[in-house]
Amino acid sequence: MKTKILICFLLCIGFKTFAQEEKRTLYPISVKRQLFGVKFIYDRQIIDNAAALQIPLLQARDPKVSVEFLTYKQQQKLVKLINIIPAGVSLYTVFNRDKVSSGFYWSTVGSTLLISTYLNVKANMHLSNAINRYNEVIRNNEIGLNVQTTPDHQAIVGVGLKHNF
């Protein structure tokens, strides 16, 4: 009986000791603004598309970061859908020139341009808020508490402090 308990104990300790643990290291995101666009730098990699930041932003598990980034994504999808309208009107105008007045055509194209520009600006503001909040979250000090029990049911308490310089 004692050997079975010893084997079970060693197996449990072995599984706990040698189990793979996912290390979730989050790095700050820096923004590099250029003449024709924005580049993001994450973990020494240059990223052109903000959608590629979805994984690190959502791994922060902060509700404000998630809401801001998902709002950005939703508004970008809306901009793409709105930009289909002038393409459809232009295609219809090519085949039916007599039925479409120039005033209607230009007002449709101009209004969709204004709406998509407004939504792009708002979406980029949400992305900027998400990145700023993300950088705040990962730079904060962390205090951890770890409680484990020994085989004879005594508690071992560990306290840790992480400070980023």
Protein backbone atom coordinates (compact mmCIF):
# COMPACT_ATOMS: atom_id res chain seq x y z
CA MET A 1 0.00 0.00 0.00
CA LYS A 2 2.81 2.40 0.88
CA THR A 3 4.49 1.78 -2.47
CA LYS A 4 1.28 2.60 -4.35
CA ILE A 5 0.92 5.86 -2.46
CA LEU A 6 4.58 6.67 -3.06
CA ILE A 7 4.26 5.95 -6.80
CA CYS A 8 1.08 8.05 -7.02
CA PHE A 9 2.77 10.87 -5.12
CA LEU A 10 5.83 10.80 -7.37
CA LEU A 11 3.66 10.74 -10.50
CA CYS A 12 1.61 13.71 -9.30
CA ILE A 13 4.73 15.72 -8.46
CA GLY A 14 6.32 14.70 -11.75
CA PHE A 15 3.32 15.79 -13.79
CA LYS A 16 3.13 19.07 -11.96
CA THR A 17 6.87 19.71 -12.23
CA PHE A 18 7.36 18.75 -15.85
CA ALA A 19 4.07 20.04 -17.23
CA GLN A 20 4.40 22.57 -19.96
CA GLU A 21 3.43 26.01 -18.90
CA GLU A 22 2.44 28.67 -21.36
CA LYS A 23 4.50 31.76 -20.78
CA ARG A 24 2.46 34.74 -21.75
CA THR A 25 4.95 37.50 -22.20
CA LEU A 26 3.34 40.66 -23.45
CA TYR A 27 5.49 43.32 -25.03
CA PRO A 28 4.64 47.01 -25.43
CA ILE A 29 3.34 48.20 -28.78
CA SER A 30 4.92 51.30 -30.23
CA VAL A 31 3.40 53.31 -33.04
CA LYS A 32 5.51 54.80 -35.81
CA ARG A 33 3.58 57.32 -37.87
CA GLN A 34 4.73 57.87 -41.44
CA LEU A 35 3.62 60.03 -44.33
CA PHE A 36 1.45 57.34 -45.93
CA GLY A 37 0.37 55.17 -43.05
CA VAL A 38 1.21 53.86 -39.65
CA LYS A 39 3.52 51.04 -38.65
CA PHE A 40 3.32 49.20 -35.36
CA ILE A 41 6.31 47.67 -33.61
CA TYR A 42 5.63 44.66 -31.39
CA ASP A 43 8.38 42.39 -30.05
CA ARG A 44 10.95 43.95 -32.41
CA GLN A 45 8.75 43.16 -35.43
CA ILE A 46 7.28 45.79 -37.74
CA ILE A 47 3.59 45.26 -38.43
CA ASP A 48 1.81 47.09 -41.24
CA ASN A 49 -1.76 46.03 -40.53
CA ALA A 50 -3.45 46.86 -37.24
CA ALA A 51 -5.53 43.68 -37.45
CA ALA A 52 -2.36 41.71 -36.73
CA LEU A 53 -2.35 43.26 -33.25
CA GLN A 54 -5.52 41.40 -32.33
CA ILE A 55 -3.74 38.53 -30.57
CA PRO A 56 -1.55 40.57 -28.21
CA LEU A 57 -4.29 43.10 -27.52
CA LEU A 58 -6.83 40.43 -26.58
CA GLN A 59 -4.26 38.42 -24.59
CA ALA A 60 -4.01 41.31 -22.18
CA ARG A 61 -7.48 40.25 -20.97
CA ASP A 62 -8.45 43.80 -20.17
CA PRO A 63 -12.10 44.66 -20.91
CA LYS A 64 -11.36 48.23 -22.00
CA VAL A 65 -8.69 47.10 -24.46
CA SER A 66 -11.01 44.44 -25.86
CA VAL A 67 -13.94 46.82 -26.28
CA GLU A 68 -11.84 49.49 -27.98
CA PHE A 69 -10.17 47.04 -30.35
CA LEU A 70 -13.40 45.24 -31.25
CA THR A 71 -15.05 48.62 -31.89
CA TYR A 72 -12.15 49.43 -34.22
CA LYS A 73 -12.66 46.17 -36.10
CA GLN A 74 -16.42 46.72 -36.36
CA GLN A 75 -16.00 50.23 -37.75
CA GLN A 76 -13.40 49.03 -40.27
CA LYS A 77 -15.88 46.41 -41.52
CA LEU A 78 -18.54 49.11 -41.78
CA VAL A 79 -16.18 51.30 -43.83
CA LYS A 80 -15.58 48.41 -46.22
CA LEU A 81 -19.31 47.88 -46.65
CA ILE A 82 -19.96 51.58 -47.20
CA ASN A 83 -17.23 51.75 -49.83
CA ILE A 84 -19.16 49.23 -51.92
CA ILE A 85 -21.94 51.79 -52.53
CA PRO A 86 -20.02 54.14 -54.87
CA ALA A 87 -18.62 51.16 -56.74
CA GLY A 88 -22.15 49.87 -57.33
CA VAL A 89 -23.43 53.30 -58.38
CA SER A 90 -20.48 53.72 -60.76
CA LEU A 91 -21.09 50.31 -62.29
CA TYR A 92 -24.79 51.07 -62.71
CA THR A 93 -23.91 54.43 -64.28
CA VAL A 94 -21.63 52.78 -66.84
CA PHE A 95 -24.47 50.62 -68.14
CA ASN A 96 -27.33 53.13 -67.74
CA ARG A 97 -25.95 56.62 -68.38
CA ASP A 98 -29.33 58.12 -69.21
CA LYS A 99 -31.04 57.00 -65.98
CA VAL A 100 -28.49 58.44 -63.51
CA SER A 101 -28.09 62.18 -63.12
CA SER A 102 -24.67 63.63 -62.43
CA GLY A 103 -25.95 65.31 -59.25
CA PHE A 104 -27.10 61.99 -57.81
CA TYR A 105 -23.84 60.31 -58.78
CA TRP A 106 -21.57 62.94 -57.24
CA SER A 107 -23.69 63.33 -54.11
CA THR A 108 -23.58 59.57 -53.55
CA VAL A 109 -19.83 59.38 -54.09
CA GLY A 110 -19.16 62.47 -51.96
CA SER A 111 -21.38 61.43 -49.07
CA THR A 112 -19.88 57.95 -48.91
CA LEU A 113 -16.43 59.52 -49.00
CA LEU A 114 -17.30 61.78 -46.05
CA ILE A 115 -18.90 58.95 -44.06
CA SER A 116 -16.02 56.56 -44.64
CA THR A 117 -13.46 59.24 -43.74
CA TYR A 118 -15.31 60.01 -40.51
CA LEU A 119 -15.55 56.32 -39.60
CA ASN A 120 -11.86 55.79 -40.39
CA VAL A 121 -10.89 58.65 -38.08
CA LYS A 122 -13.13 57.31 -35.30
CA ALA A 123 -11.83 53.76 -35.80
CA ASN A 124 -8.23 54.94 -35.58
CA MET A 125 -9.08 56.80 -32.37
CA HIS A 126 -10.45 53.55 -30.91
CA LEU A 127 -7.31 51.70 -31.99
CA SER A 128 -5.12 54.37 -30.42
CA ASN A 129 -7.10 54.13 -27.17
CA ALA A 130 -6.75 50.34 -27.19
CA ILE A 131 -2.98 50.49 -27.72
CA ASN A 132 -2.51 53.16 -25.02
CA ARG A 133 -4.58 51.18 -22.52
CA TYR A 134 -2.74 47.95 -23.45
CA ASN A 135 0.62 49.61 -22.82
CA GLU A 136 -0.63 50.88 -19.44
CA VAL A 137 -1.84 47.43 -18.45
CA ILE A 138 1.39 45.61 -19.23
CA ARG A 139 3.60 48.23 -17.60
CA ASN A 140 1.85 48.10 -14.24
CA ASN A 141 3.49 46.49 -11.26
CA GLU A 142 2.25 43.01 -10.50
CA ILE A 143 1.83 41.49 -7.08
CA GLY A 144 1.32 37.76 -6.91
CA LEU A 145 0.30 35.36 -4.19
CA ASN A 146 0.93 31.64 -4.49
CA VAL A 147 -0.47 29.13 -2.01
CA GLN A 148 0.48 25.46 -2.16
CA THR A 149 0.04 22.59 0.23
CA THR A 150 2.60 20.01 1.20
CA PRO A 151 1.76 16.29 1.43
CA ASP A 152 1.19 16.65 5.17
CA HIS A 153 -1.37 19.42 4.46
CA GLN A 154 0.69 22.39 5.56
CA ALA A 155 0.28 25.58 3.60
CA ILE A 156 3.20 27.23 1.86
CA VAL A 157 2.57 30.87 0.99
CA GLY A 158 4.66 32.75 -1.53
CA VAL A 159 4.42 36.45 -2.30
CA GLY A 160 6.03 38.03 -5.34
CA LEU A 161 6.39 41.54 -6.71
CA LYS A 162 7.22 42.35 -10.31
CA HIS A 163 8.31 45.85 -11.20
CA ASN A 164 9.14 46.88 -14.76
CA PHE A 165 11.83 49.49 -15.25
